Amino acid sequence: MENKELRILFSEQSAEQTSAIKRFFDEKGIKTFFCTKDGKEVLHAIEQVKPQVVVLDVFLSSIDAIGVKKACEKNGNSPELFFAAGAYDSEKIAYQMVNAGFAFYFLKPYDYSCLLDRIEELMGIDFTDQLLDTDLEYKVSEILHTMGVPAHIKGYHFLRQAIIMVIKDPEVISLVTKRLYPDVAQLNKTTASRVERAIRHAIEVAWDRGNVEVMNDYFGYTINNMRGKPTNSEFIAMISDRMRLAMKKERLC
């Protein structure tokens, strides 16, 4: 489930709890929604929000948590995961919830990181890594935009993907033709040679029409030595290396 936007619905009314939940999951790039502790309202919210995960209080008015889950299954719009939460430390309740198909029963108050761990384990996705990918994509886009690489050309998108790949695996830069271009090509259903040409064109456009000061900041040695435009691998390596160092510095601060 690559780049999946996770939506979680909670049957929670407490302003303090909703604020804490929203703050925790916002930091992970996960959207949270809240509704009253009423089974009919929960069903309406599920229909509107279409969450992949629902965290329900065991005892809801109108329809209880098990009834809500059964109604969703009957209607064919059931979320991927249902979790139950309650204030009672009861093995009987926990058994009933799990037996009814709930993924887990949380005793309130519970640690939100435990809930996230359960979701990641059951859905087979690491939302921390996904957030990192999104953050990287944004930062690389910002650099390319500042340099003057036009966003509407194919080379811009290929460059961004290539830079992110090298940030994650620096060894790839030494395998540009064997791995980097083919991997980018596979993502975009094209050929490695077209990827190479499009990236070269994007660099040429930026070099001829882009921000000279920014280019000088990144590739000053190239300009000063009058070596001409950097090669594709030089361009990708320089940006990825600068970003990797900046990220390492952020972690140390």
Protein backbone atom coordinates (compact mmCIF):
# COMPACT_ATOMS: atom_id res chain seq x y z
CA MET A 1 0.00 0.00 0.00
CA GLU A 2 2.34 2.68 -1.22
CA ASN A 3 1.64 6.32 -0.33
CA LYS A 4 -1.65 5.40 1.26
CA GLU A 5 -3.46 8.13 3.16
CA LEU A 6 -4.70 6.59 6.38
CA ARG A 7 -7.94 7.81 7.91
CA ILE A 8 -8.97 6.78 11.42
CA LEU A 9 -12.40 7.39 12.92
CA PHE A 10 -12.79 7.56 16.71
CA SER A 11 -16.03 7.54 18.71
CA GLU A 12 -14.64 10.16 21.05
CA GLN A 13 -16.16 13.34 22.45
CA SER A 14 -13.71 14.54 25.08
CA ALA A 15 -12.04 17.74 23.85
CA GLU A 16 -8.87 16.84 25.74
CA GLN A 17 -8.69 13.36 24.20
CA THR A 18 -9.57 14.44 20.67
CA SER A 19 -6.91 17.13 20.83
CA ALA A 20 -4.26 14.66 22.04
CA ILE A 21 -5.23 12.05 19.44
CA LYS A 22 -5.22 14.58 16.60
CA ARG A 23 -1.84 15.99 17.67
CA PHE A 24 -0.22 12.54 17.83
CA PHE A 25 -1.49 11.30 14.47
CA ASP A 26 -1.07 14.63 12.65
CA GLU A 27 2.66 14.32 13.29
CA LYS A 28 2.57 10.98 11.46
CA GLY A 29 0.67 12.38 8.49
CA ILE A 30 -2.45 10.44 9.47
CA LYS A 31 -5.92 11.99 9.33
CA THR A 32 -8.25 11.57 12.30
CA PHE A 33 -12.00 12.04 12.52
CA PHE A 34 -14.33 12.02 15.52
CA CYS A 35 -18.00 11.36 16.14
CA THR A 36 -20.35 11.00 19.08
CA LYS A 37 -20.72 7.75 21.01
CA ASP A 38 -23.85 6.83 19.12
CA GLY A 39 -23.96 3.80 16.84
CA LYS A 40 -26.16 5.46 14.22
CA GLU A 41 -23.85 8.50 14.13
CA VAL A 42 -20.85 6.19 13.78
CA LEU A 43 -22.43 4.44 10.79
CA HIS A 44 -23.17 7.81 9.18
CA ALA A 45 -19.59 8.97 9.83
CA ILE A 46 -18.16 5.77 8.32
CA GLU A 47 -20.24 6.33 5.19
CA GLN A 48 -19.08 9.94 4.90
CA VAL A 49 -15.40 9.65 5.93
CA LYS A 50 -14.69 6.16 4.54
CA PRO A 51 -11.98 5.43 7.13
CA GLN A 52 -9.72 2.40 6.84
CA VAL A 53 -9.60 2.10 10.64
CA VAL A 54 -12.31 2.64 13.25
CA VAL A 55 -11.77 2.81 17.01
CA LEU A 56 -15.07 2.37 18.85
CA ASP A 57 -16.15 2.53 22.45
CA VAL A 58 -17.67 -0.83 23.33
CA PHE A 59 -20.86 0.71 24.69
CA LEU A 60 -22.51 3.09 22.24
CA SER A 61 -26.06 4.41 22.32
CA SER A 62 -28.54 3.24 19.63
CA ILE A 63 -26.27 0.47 18.33
CA ASP A 64 -23.33 -1.03 20.21
CA ALA A 65 -19.85 -1.53 18.71
CA ILE A 66 -20.52 -5.12 17.58
CA GLY A 67 -23.79 -4.02 15.97
CA VAL A 68 -21.99 -1.24 14.09
CA LYS A 69 -19.41 -3.68 12.73
CA LYS A 70 -22.10 -6.13 11.60
CA ALA A 71 -24.05 -3.34 9.91
CA CYS A 72 -20.95 -2.24 7.99
CA GLU A 73 -20.28 -5.78 6.85
CA LYS A 74 -23.89 -6.17 5.75
CA ASN A 75 -23.79 -2.88 3.81
CA GLY A 76 -20.52 -3.81 2.13
CA ASN A 77 -18.68 -0.67 3.29
CA SER A 78 -16.72 -2.13 6.16
CA PRO A 79 -13.39 -0.47 7.11
CA GLU A 80 -10.28 -2.66 7.02
CA LEU A 81 -9.81 -2.69 10.79
CA PHE A 82 -12.05 -2.27 13.80
CA PHE A 83 -10.62 -1.67 17.27
CA ALA A 84 -12.60 -1.56 20.50
CA ALA A 85 -11.87 0.59 23.54
CA GLY A 86 -13.41 0.60 26.98
CA ALA A 87 -12.94 1.59 30.60
CA TYR A 88 -13.49 -1.93 31.96
CA ASP A 89 -10.61 -4.33 32.51
CA SER A 90 -12.68 -7.34 31.57
CA GLU A 91 -11.45 -10.52 29.92
CA LYS A 92 -15.03 -11.32 28.97
CA ILE A 93 -15.47 -8.04 27.05
CA ALA A 94 -12.07 -8.40 25.41
CA TYR A 95 -12.96 -11.94 24.29
CA GLN A 96 -16.33 -10.82 22.93
CA MET A 97 -14.73 -8.04 20.89
CA VAL A 98 -12.00 -10.21 19.42
CA ASN A 99 -14.49 -13.01 18.75
CA ALA A 100 -16.70 -10.50 16.89
CA GLY A 101 -13.77 -9.64 14.59
CA PHE A 102 -12.29 -6.61 16.34
CA ALA A 103 -8.51 -6.49 15.94
CA PHE A 104 -7.85 -5.60 19.58
CA TYR A 105 -9.50 -4.35 22.74
CA PHE A 106 -7.77 -1.34 24.32
CA LEU A 107 -8.27 -0.51 27.98
CA LYS A 108 -8.65 3.26 28.43
CA PRO A 109 -6.51 5.27 28.73
CA TYR A 110 -4.25 3.62 26.17
CA ASP A 111 -1.02 4.64 24.45
CA TYR A 112 -1.68 5.94 20.92
CA SER A 113 1.69 4.61 19.78
CA CYS A 114 0.46 1.10 20.68
CA LEU A 115 -2.59 1.63 18.50
CA LEU A 116 -0.37 2.79 15.64
CA ASP A 117 1.92 -0.22 16.10
CA ARG A 118 -1.08 -2.55 15.83
CA ILE A 119 -2.34 -0.76 12.70
CA GLU A 120 1.08 -0.91 11.01
CA GLU A 121 1.49 -4.58 11.89
CA LEU A 122 -1.94 -5.59 10.62
CA MET A 123 -1.94 -3.40 7.50
CA GLY A 124 1.67 -4.19 6.64
CA ILE A 125 2.77 -0.59 6.27
CA ASP A 126 5.20 1.69 8.09
CA PHE A 127 3.63 5.15 8.26
CA THR A 128 6.83 6.64 9.68
CA ASP A 129 8.66 5.65 6.48
CA GLN A 130 5.74 6.91 4.42
CA LEU A 131 5.92 10.29 6.15
CA LEU A 132 9.67 10.40 5.47
CA ASP A 133 9.00 9.74 1.77
CA THR A 134 6.46 12.56 1.63
CA ASP A 135 8.81 14.94 3.42
CA LEU A 136 11.67 14.04 1.09
CA GLU A 137 9.52 14.53 -1.98
CA TYR A 138 8.53 17.98 -0.76
CA LYS A 139 12.12 19.03 0.03
CA VAL A 140 13.55 17.78 -3.25
CA SER A 141 10.75 19.50 -5.17
CA GLU A 142 11.55 22.73 -3.35
CA ILE A 143 15.24 22.54 -4.31
CA LEU A 144 14.52 21.77 -7.97
CA HIS A 145 11.99 24.59 -8.11
CA THR A 146 14.49 27.03 -6.58
CA MET A 147 17.11 25.95 -9.11
CA GLY A 148 14.72 26.65 -11.95
CA VAL A 149 13.96 23.13 -13.17
CA PRO A 150 10.51 23.45 -14.84
CA ALA A 151 7.95 21.28 -13.07
CA HIS A 152 5.99 20.53 -16.24
CA ILE A 153 8.73 18.56 -18.00
CA LYS A 154 9.26 14.84 -17.51
CA GLY A 155 12.87 15.27 -16.47
CA TYR A 156 11.75 17.16 -13.35
CA HIS A 157 9.80 14.17 -12.04
CA PHE A 158 12.51 11.71 -13.05
CA LEU A 159 15.14 13.84 -11.31
CA ARG A 160 13.11 14.00 -8.12
CA GLN A 161 12.66 10.25 -8.02
CA ALA A 162 16.33 9.63 -8.78
CA ILE A 163 17.52 12.01 -6.05
CA ILE A 164 15.24 10.39 -3.45
CA MET A 165 16.51 6.94 -4.45
CA VAL A 166 20.13 8.03 -3.99
CA ILE A 167 19.38 9.67 -0.64
CA LYS A 168 17.99 6.35 0.58
CA ASP A 169 20.74 4.24 -1.00
CA PRO A 170 23.93 6.23 -1.83
CA GLU A 171 25.51 3.22 -3.59
CA VAL A 172 22.95 3.53 -6.39
CA ILE A 173 24.79 6.59 -7.76
CA SER A 174 27.64 4.34 -8.84
CA LEU A 175 25.15 2.21 -10.76
CA VAL A 176 23.39 4.93 -12.71
CA THR A 177 22.87 3.03 -15.94
CA LYS A 178 22.46 -0.43 -14.38
CA ARG A 179 20.07 0.46 -11.56
CA LEU A 180 19.07 4.11 -11.21
CA TYR A 181 17.73 4.80 -14.70
CA PRO A 182 16.05 1.36 -15.01
CA ASP A 183 14.38 1.76 -11.57
CA VAL A 184 13.03 5.22 -12.44
CA ALA A 185 11.95 3.91 -15.84
CA GLN A 186 10.07 1.03 -14.24
CA LEU A 187 8.18 3.42 -11.94
CA ASN A 188 7.10 5.49 -14.94
CA LYS A 189 6.60 2.70 -17.49
CA THR A 190 9.21 4.02 -19.87
CA THR A 191 12.77 3.16 -20.91
CA ALA A 192 16.06 3.86 -19.16
CA SER A 193 17.36 5.76 -22.19
CA ARG A 194 14.33 8.10 -22.13
CA VAL A 195 14.87 8.70 -18.43
CA GLU A 196 18.52 9.57 -19.06
CA ARG A 197 17.64 12.00 -21.89
CA ALA A 198 14.81 13.65 -19.96
CA ILE A 199 17.02 14.22 -16.89
CA ARG A 200 19.79 15.65 -19.07
CA HIS A 201 17.29 18.01 -20.72
CA ALA A 202 15.97 19.17 -17.33
CA ILE A 203 19.49 19.93 -16.13
CA GLU A 204 20.30 21.83 -19.33
CA VAL A 205 17.16 23.96 -19.02
CA ALA A 206 17.90 24.77 -15.38
CA TRP A 207 21.55 25.51 -16.14
CA ASP A 208 20.72 27.87 -19.01
CA ARG A 209 17.69 29.64 -17.52
CA GLY A 210 17.69 28.87 -13.81
CA ASN A 211 18.84 30.64 -10.65
CA VAL A 212 22.57 31.29 -11.10
CA GLU A 213 23.17 31.95 -7.38
CA VAL A 214 21.60 28.67 -6.33
CA MET A 215 23.51 26.79 -9.03
CA ASN A 216 26.73 28.41 -7.91
CA ASP A 217 26.01 27.43 -4.32
CA TYR A 218 25.60 23.77 -5.29
CA PHE A 219 28.01 23.48 -8.21
CA GLY A 220 30.47 26.34 -7.74
CA TYR A 221 33.47 24.15 -8.48
CA THR A 222 31.98 23.19 -11.83
CA ILE A 223 31.30 26.79 -12.85
CA ASN A 224 34.62 28.10 -11.59
CA ASN A 225 36.59 25.46 -13.47
CA MET A 226 34.54 26.11 -16.59
CA ARG A 227 33.82 22.43 -16.94
CA GLY A 228 30.39 23.11 -18.31
CA LYS A 229 27.16 21.62 -17.05
CA PRO A 230 27.36 18.81 -14.48
CA THR A 231 26.59 15.34 -15.72
CA ASN A 232 23.37 13.67 -14.64
CA SER A 233 25.17 11.65 -11.99
CA GLU A 234 27.07 14.71 -10.69
CA PHE A 235 23.86 16.71 -10.44
CA ILE A 236 21.97 13.93 -8.64
CA ALA A 237 24.92 13.08 -6.36
CA MET A 238 25.51 16.69 -5.29
CA ILE A 239 21.89 17.38 -4.34
CA SER A 240 21.36 14.02 -2.62
CA ASP A 241 24.59 14.38 -0.65
CA ARG A 242 23.69 17.89 0.52
CA MET A 243 20.24 16.74 1.57
CA ARG A 244 21.57 13.66 3.36
CA LEU A 245 23.99 15.81 5.37
CA ALA A 246 21.22 18.29 6.18
CA MET A 247 18.98 15.47 7.41
CA LYS A 248 21.79 14.09 9.57
CA LYS A 249 22.32 17.54 11.05
CA GLU A 250 18.60 17.82 11.84
CA ARG A 251 18.67 14.51 13.72
CA LEU A 252 21.64 15.68 15.81
CA CYS A 253 19.96 18.96 16.79
